[in-house]
C-alpha atoms as a PDB file:
ATOM      1  CA  MET A   1     -48.964  25.235  20.367  1.00  0.00           C
ATOM      2  CA  LYS A   2     -48.875  25.079  16.540  1.00  0.00           C
ATOM      3  CA  LYS A   3     -45.262  26.298  16.525  1.00  0.00           C
ATOM      4  CA  ILE A   4     -44.192  23.554  18.930  1.00  0.00           C
ATOM      5  CA  LEU A   5     -45.999  20.918  16.866  1.00  0.00           C
ATOM      6  CA  LEU A   6     -44.447  22.295  13.657  1.00  0.00           C
ATOM      7  CA  ALA A   7     -40.971  22.268  15.264  1.00  0.00           C
ATOM      8  CA  LEU A   8     -41.453  18.647  16.411  1.00  0.00           C
ATOM      9  CA  CYS A   9     -42.526  17.648  12.885  1.00  0.00           C
ATOM     10  CA  ALA A  10     -39.478  19.383  11.399  1.00  0.00           C
ATOM     11  CA  ILE A  11     -37.182  17.593  13.851  1.00  0.00           C
ATOM     12  CA  ALA A  12     -38.837  14.264  13.054  1.00  0.00           C
ATOM     13  CA  LEU A  13     -38.419  14.862   9.302  1.00  0.00           C
ATOM     14  CA  LEU A  14     -34.768  15.833   9.734  1.00  0.00           C
ATOM     15  CA  GLY A  15     -34.197  12.785  11.931  1.00  0.00           C
ATOM     16  CA  SER A  16     -35.730  10.483   9.341  1.00  0.00           C
ATOM     17  CA  LYS A  17     -33.623  12.132   6.599  1.00  0.00           C
ATOM     18  CA  ALA A  18     -30.435  11.575   8.633  1.00  0.00           C
ATOM     19  CA  SER A  19     -31.252   7.908   9.160  1.00  0.00           C
ATOM     20  CA  ALA A  20     -31.942   7.447   5.429  1.00  0.00           C
ATOM     21  CA  GLN A  21     -28.335   8.051   4.425  1.00  0.00           C
ATOM     22  CA  LYS A  22     -26.915   5.418   2.128  1.00  0.00           C
ATOM     23  CA  PHE A  23     -23.712   3.622   3.075  1.00  0.00           C
ATOM     24  CA  ALA A  24     -21.546   1.217   1.124  1.00  0.00           C
ATOM     25  CA  TYR A  25     -18.023  -0.093   1.280  1.00  0.00           C
ATOM     26  CA  VAL A  26     -15.257  -1.211  -1.027  1.00  0.00           C
ATOM     27  CA  ASP A  27     -12.201  -3.380  -0.498  1.00  0.00           C
ATOM     28  CA  SER A  28      -9.365  -1.403  -2.079  1.00  0.00           C
ATOM     29  CA  GLU A  29      -6.905  -4.300  -1.695  1.00  0.00           C
ATOM     30  CA  TYR A  30      -9.264  -6.512  -3.682  1.00  0.00           C
ATOM     31  CA  ILE A  31      -9.802  -3.807  -6.305  1.00  0.00           C
ATOM     32  CA  LEU A  32      -6.066  -3.230  -6.719  1.00  0.00           C
ATOM     33  CA  SER A  33      -5.395  -6.972  -6.910  1.00  0.00           C
ATOM     34  CA  GLN A  34      -7.778  -7.141  -9.881  1.00  0.00           C
ATOM     35  CA  MET A  35      -5.989  -4.370 -11.800  1.00  0.00           C
ATOM     36  CA  PRO A  36      -3.266  -5.585 -14.196  1.00  0.00           C
ATOM     37  CA  GLU A  37      -1.512  -2.191 -14.119  1.00  0.00           C
ATOM     38  CA  TYR A  38      -1.275  -2.324 -10.321  1.00  0.00           C
ATOM     39  CA  ARG A  39       0.127  -5.853 -10.370  1.00  0.00           C
ATOM     40  CA  SER A  40       2.655  -4.729 -12.994  1.00  0.00           C
ATOM     41  CA  ALA A  41       3.651  -1.667 -10.955  1.00  0.00           C
ATOM     42  CA  GLN A  42       3.960  -3.784  -7.816  1.00  0.00           C
ATOM     43  CA  LYS A  43       6.170  -6.281  -9.666  1.00  0.00           C
ATOM     44  CA  GLN A  44       8.407  -3.451 -10.896  1.00  0.00           C
ATOM     45  CA  LEU A  45       8.715  -2.136  -7.347  1.00  0.00           C
ATOM     46  CA  ASP A  46       9.412  -5.604  -5.927  1.00  0.00           C
ATOM     47  CA  ASP A  47      12.083  -6.264  -8.573  1.00  0.00           C
ATOM     48  CA  LEU A  48      13.703  -2.886  -7.930  1.00  0.00           C
ATOM     49  CA  ALA A  49      13.683  -3.403  -4.151  1.00  0.00           C
ATOM     50  CA  GLU A  50      15.079  -6.921  -4.564  1.00  0.00           C
ATOM     51  CA  GLN A  51      17.951  -5.684  -6.769  1.00  0.00           C
ATOM     52  CA  TRP A  52      18.806  -2.863  -4.381  1.00  0.00           C
ATOM     53  CA  GLN A  53      18.666  -5.271  -1.443  1.00  0.00           C
ATOM     54  CA  LYS A  54      21.086  -7.604  -3.251  1.00  0.00           C
ATOM     55  CA  ASP A  55      23.425  -4.657  -3.862  1.00  0.00           C
ATOM     56  CA  LEU A  56      23.215  -3.685  -0.191  1.00  0.00           C
ATOM     57  CA  ASP A  57      23.824  -7.291   0.915  1.00  0.00           C
ATOM     58  CA  ALA A  58      26.909  -7.447  -1.334  1.00  0.00           C
ATOM     59  CA  LYS A  59      28.236  -4.222   0.194  1.00  0.00           C
ATOM     60  CA  MET A  60      27.658  -5.561   3.719  1.00  0.00           C
ATOM     61  CA  ALA A  61      29.338  -8.884   2.843  1.00  0.00           C
ATOM     62  CA  GLU A  62      32.355  -6.996   1.517  1.00  0.00           C
ATOM     63  CA  ILE A  63      32.534  -4.969   4.730  1.00  0.00           C
ATOM     64  CA  ALA A  64      32.303  -8.129   6.831  1.00  0.00           C
ATOM     65  CA  LYS A  65      35.105  -9.714   4.781  1.00  0.00           C
ATOM     66  CA  MET A  66      37.290  -6.613   5.149  1.00  0.00           C
ATOM     67  CA  TYR A  67      36.681  -6.601   8.897  1.00  0.00           C
ATOM     68  CA  ARG A  68      37.519 -10.312   9.281  1.00  0.00           C
ATOM     69  CA  GLU A  69      40.710  -9.881   7.277  1.00  0.00           C
ATOM     70  CA  TYR A  70      41.611  -6.837   9.352  1.00  0.00           C
ATOM     71  CA  GLN A  71      41.047  -8.744  12.605  1.00  0.00           C
ATOM     72  CA  ASP A  72      43.181 -11.657  11.377  1.00  0.00           C
ATOM     73  CA  GLU A  73      46.071  -9.360  10.362  1.00  0.00           C
ATOM     74  CA  LYS A  74      45.701  -6.667  13.017  1.00  0.00           C
ATOM     75  CA  VAL A  75      48.595  -7.851  15.216  1.00  0.00           C
ATOM     76  CA  LEU A  76      50.971  -7.832  12.255  1.00  0.00           C
ATOM     77  CA  LEU A  77      50.103  -4.329  11.028  1.00  0.00           C
ATOM     78  CA  THR A  78      51.746  -1.051  11.943  1.00  0.00           C
ATOM     79  CA  GLU A  79      49.647   1.605  13.670  1.00  0.00           C
ATOM     80  CA  GLU A  80      49.480   3.675  10.491  1.00  0.00           C
ATOM     81  CA  VAL A  81      48.287   0.727   8.386  1.00  0.00           C
ATOM     82  CA  ARG A  82      45.737  -0.266  11.064  1.00  0.00           C
ATOM     83  CA  GLN A  83      44.270   3.233  11.096  1.00  0.00           C
ATOM     84  CA  ARG A  84      44.125   3.321   7.289  1.00  0.00           C
ATOM     85  CA  ARG A  85      42.321  -0.059   7.190  1.00  0.00           C
ATOM     86  CA  GLU A  86      39.884   1.026   9.949  1.00  0.00           C
ATOM     87  CA  ARG A  87      39.114   4.226   8.003  1.00  0.00           C
ATOM     88  CA  GLY A  88      38.569   2.127   4.885  1.00  0.00           C
ATOM     89  CA  ILE A  89      36.094  -0.107   6.734  1.00  0.00           C
ATOM     90  CA  ASP A  90      34.359   2.919   8.269  1.00  0.00           C
ATOM     91  CA  ASP A  91      34.110   4.591   4.865  1.00  0.00           C
ATOM     92  CA  LYS A  92      32.570   1.445   3.337  1.00  0.00           C
ATOM     93  CA  GLU A  93      30.069   1.191   6.219  1.00  0.00           C
ATOM     94  CA  LYS A  94      29.084   4.832   5.774  1.00  0.00           C
ATOM     95  CA  ALA A  95      28.695   4.329   2.015  1.00  0.00           C
ATOM     96  CA  ALA A  96      26.482   1.270   2.614  1.00  0.00           C
ATOM     97  CA  LYS A  97      24.313   3.195   5.096  1.00  0.00           C
ATOM     98  CA  ASP A  98      24.053   6.110   2.657  1.00  0.00           C
ATOM     99  CA  PHE A  99      23.053   3.687  -0.111  1.00  0.00           C
ATOM    100  CA  GLN A 100      20.415   2.112   2.135  1.00  0.00           C
ATOM    101  CA  LYS A 101      19.027   5.518   3.086  1.00  0.00           C
ATOM    102  CA  ALA A 102      19.016   6.745  -0.533  1.00  0.00           C
ATOM    103  CA  LYS A 103      17.095   3.686  -1.709  1.00  0.00           C
ATOM    104  CA  PHE A 104      14.842   2.607   1.173  1.00  0.00           C
ATOM    105  CA  SER A 105      14.139   5.613   3.419  1.00  0.00           C
ATOM    106  CA  ALA A 106      10.819   7.463   3.533  1.00  0.00           C
ATOM    107  CA  ASP A 107      12.155   9.963   0.984  1.00  0.00           C
ATOM    108  CA  GLY A 108      14.297   7.448  -0.897  1.00  0.00           C
ATOM    109  CA  GLU A 109      14.127   6.274  -4.489  1.00  0.00           C
ATOM    110  CA  LEU A 110      11.822   3.324  -3.754  1.00  0.00           C
ATOM    111  CA  PHE A 111       9.239   5.605  -2.133  1.00  0.00           C
ATOM    112  CA  LYS A 112       9.472   8.069  -5.035  1.00  0.00           C
ATOM    113  CA  LYS A 113       9.138   5.269  -7.574  1.00  0.00           C
ATOM    114  CA  ARG A 114       6.117   3.918  -5.667  1.00  0.00           C
ATOM    115  CA  MET A 115       4.482   7.346  -5.841  1.00  0.00           C
ATOM    116  CA  GLU A 116       5.288   7.598  -9.550  1.00  0.00           C
ATOM    117  CA  LEU A 117       3.831   4.178 -10.387  1.00  0.00           C
ATOM    118  CA  VAL A 118       1.010   3.681  -7.855  1.00  0.00           C
ATOM    119  CA  LYS A 119      -0.438   7.165  -7.315  1.00  0.00           C
ATOM    120  CA  PRO A 120      -2.030   7.384 -10.797  1.00  0.00           C
ATOM    121  CA  ILE A 121      -3.622   3.977 -10.227  1.00  0.00           C
ATOM    122  CA  GLN A 122      -4.947   5.039  -6.814  1.00  0.00           C
ATOM    123  CA  ASP A 123      -6.327   8.227  -8.373  1.00  0.00           C
ATOM    124  CA  LYS A 124      -8.095   6.121 -11.020  1.00  0.00           C
ATOM    125  CA  VAL A 125      -9.670   3.959  -8.291  1.00  0.00           C
ATOM    126  CA  PHE A 126     -10.705   7.039  -6.310  1.00  0.00           C
ATOM    127  CA  ASP A 127     -12.359   8.575  -9.377  1.00  0.00           C
ATOM    128  CA  ALA A 128     -14.253   5.329 -10.044  1.00  0.00           C
ATOM    129  CA  ILE A 129     -15.393   5.180  -6.399  1.00  0.00           C
ATOM    130  CA  GLN A 130     -16.730   8.726  -6.695  1.00  0.00           C
ATOM    131  CA  LYS A 131     -18.645   7.815  -9.876  1.00  0.00           C
ATOM    132  CA  VAL A 132     -20.142   4.711  -8.235  1.00  0.00           C
ATOM    133  CA  ALA A 133     -21.120   6.796  -5.198  1.00  0.00           C
ATOM    134  CA  LYS A 134     -22.836   9.403  -7.349  1.00  0.00           C
ATOM    135  CA  LYS A 135     -24.611   6.812  -9.526  1.00  0.00           C
ATOM    136  CA  GLY A 136     -25.796   4.871  -6.482  1.00  0.00           C
ATOM    137  CA  GLY A 137     -26.678   7.937  -4.436  1.00  0.00           C
ATOM    138  CA  TYR A 138     -24.373   6.879  -1.604  1.00  0.00           C
ATOM    139  CA  ASP A 139     -23.598   9.364   1.133  1.00  0.00           C
ATOM    140  CA  PHE A 140     -20.604   7.410   2.456  1.00  0.00           C
ATOM    141  CA  ILE A 141     -18.337   4.714   1.052  1.00  0.00           C
ATOM    142  CA  PHE A 142     -15.875   3.109   3.440  1.00  0.00           C
ATOM    143  CA  ASP A 143     -12.719   1.184   2.616  1.00  0.00           C
ATOM    144  CA  LYS A 144     -12.882  -2.231   4.224  1.00  0.00           C
ATOM    145  CA  SER A 145      -9.121  -2.775   3.918  1.00  0.00           C
ATOM    146  CA  GLY A 146      -8.055   0.534   5.471  1.00  0.00           C
ATOM    147  CA  GLU A 147      -7.960   1.893   9.003  1.00  0.00           C
ATOM    148  CA  VAL A 148     -11.747   1.667   9.384  1.00  0.00           C
ATOM    149  CA  VAL A 149     -12.528  -1.516  11.260  1.00  0.00           C
ATOM    150  CA  MET A 150     -15.619  -3.351  10.102  1.00  0.00           C
ATOM    151  CA  LEU A 151     -16.728  -5.957  12.575  1.00  0.00           C
ATOM    152  CA  TYR A 152     -19.532  -7.000  10.283  1.00  0.00           C
ATOM    153  CA  SER A 153     -20.326  -6.179   6.705  1.00  0.00           C
ATOM    154  CA  ASN A 154     -23.203  -7.350   4.580  1.00  0.00           C
ATOM    155  CA  ALA A 155     -21.856  -8.293   1.141  1.00  0.00           C
ATOM    156  CA  LYS A 156     -24.811  -6.628  -0.584  1.00  0.00           C
ATOM    157  CA  PHE A 157     -23.274  -3.254   0.326  1.00  0.00           C
ATOM    158  CA  ASP A 158     -19.858  -4.119  -1.142  1.00  0.00           C
ATOM    159  CA  LYS A 159     -19.361  -1.977  -4.242  1.00  0.00           C
ATOM    160  CA  SER A 160     -15.846  -3.194  -5.100  1.00  0.00           C
ATOM    161  CA  ASP A 161     -17.007  -4.978  -8.257  1.00  0.00           C
ATOM    162  CA  ASP A 162     -18.981  -1.886  -9.297  1.00  0.00           C
ATOM    163  CA  VAL A 163     -15.800   0.180  -8.993  1.00  0.00           C
ATOM    164  CA  LEU A 164     -13.891  -2.360 -11.097  1.00  0.00           C
ATOM    165  CA  GLN A 165     -16.639  -2.324 -13.735  1.00  0.00           C
ATOM    166  CA  GLU A 166     -16.599   1.491 -13.723  1.00  0.00           C
ATOM    167  CA  MET A 167     -12.908   1.245 -14.678  1.00  0.00           C
ATOM    168  CA  GLY A 168     -13.684  -1.338 -17.374  1.00  0.00           C
ATOM    169  CA  ILE A 169     -12.184  -4.282 -15.464  1.00  0.00           C
ATOM    170  CA  THR A 170     -13.978  -7.620 -15.251  1.00  0.00           C
ATOM    171  CA  PRO A 171     -13.390  -9.139 -11.786  1.00  0.00           C
ATOM    172  CA  LYS A 172     -11.555 -12.460 -11.778  1.00  0.00           C
ATOM    173  CA  GLU A 173     -11.449 -15.110  -9.098  1.00  0.00           C
ATOM    174  CA  GLU A 174      -7.982 -16.469  -9.909  1.00  0.00           C
ATOM    175  CA  ILE A 175      -5.996 -13.602  -8.355  1.00  0.00           C
ATOM    176  CA  THR A 176      -3.874 -15.126  -5.595  1.00  0.00           C
ATOM    177  CA  PRO A 177      -2.579 -13.031  -2.672  1.00  0.00           C
ATOM    178  CA  LYS A 178       0.931 -13.488  -1.254  1.00  0.00           C
ATOM    179  CA  GLY A 179      -0.429 -15.651   1.564  1.00  0.00           C
ATOM    180  CA  GLY A 180      -1.702 -18.171  -0.984  1.00  0.00           C
ATOM    181  CA  GLY A 181      -5.212 -19.353  -1.630  1.00  0.00           C
ATOM    182  CA  GLN A 182      -7.838 -18.068  -3.974  1.00  0.00           C
ATOM    183  CA  VAL A 183      -9.421 -14.676  -3.428  1.00  0.00           C
ATOM    184  CA  PRO A 184     -13.140 -14.834  -4.144  1.00  0.00           C
ATOM    185  CA  PRO A 185     -14.897 -11.656  -5.209  1.00  0.00           C
ATOM    186  CA  PRO A 186     -16.262  -9.797  -2.176  1.00  0.00           C
ATOM    187  CA  ASN A 187     -19.858 -10.440  -3.273  1.00  0.00           C
ATOM    188  CA  GLY A 188     -19.168 -14.167  -3.358  1.00  0.00           C
ATOM    189  CA  PRO A 189     -18.619 -16.355  -6.430  1.00  0.00           C
ATOM    190  CA  LYS A 190     -20.215 -15.040  -9.618  1.00  0.00           C
ATOM    191  CA  LYS A 191     -22.831 -17.288 -11.204  1.00  0.00           C
END
């Protein structure tokens, strides 16, 4: 009888320990938006992508012009000249597709540049999250902006500002997302 009672007490203690786990969350999009180095890296990437897109658009416009000119003159050209012009258009199209793949594909230059610029920043955020978790004794910290869906979150458990402070960044309210509007800190306006 004592063994059964002791086992029930042990189970009750373990159950209470499991329910006493500490949870918190962060909003990594908010944290990144507050980091000047991330905004700078994102601007570099946007500028690079915009320039490459302009180059690609110019290549496609040239191909379209060549094709229109070819269609207008096609009836006047010999078979040999037609084939040469078609090969020229095909070669330009292939070069444009190769350029697009080299710059914008999953293993292209833009992706590599993103890894080069953003990965160190993400590592810095991850390290700060780990420090906040250890200081606060948290068992789990979720990312509100990731795949985890939070249907409700109490702002008192948001540790985004703590992570920013751990990195030496003072949160600001004036950061504006692409959609417009002001982004308040996740814990509400600071007083």
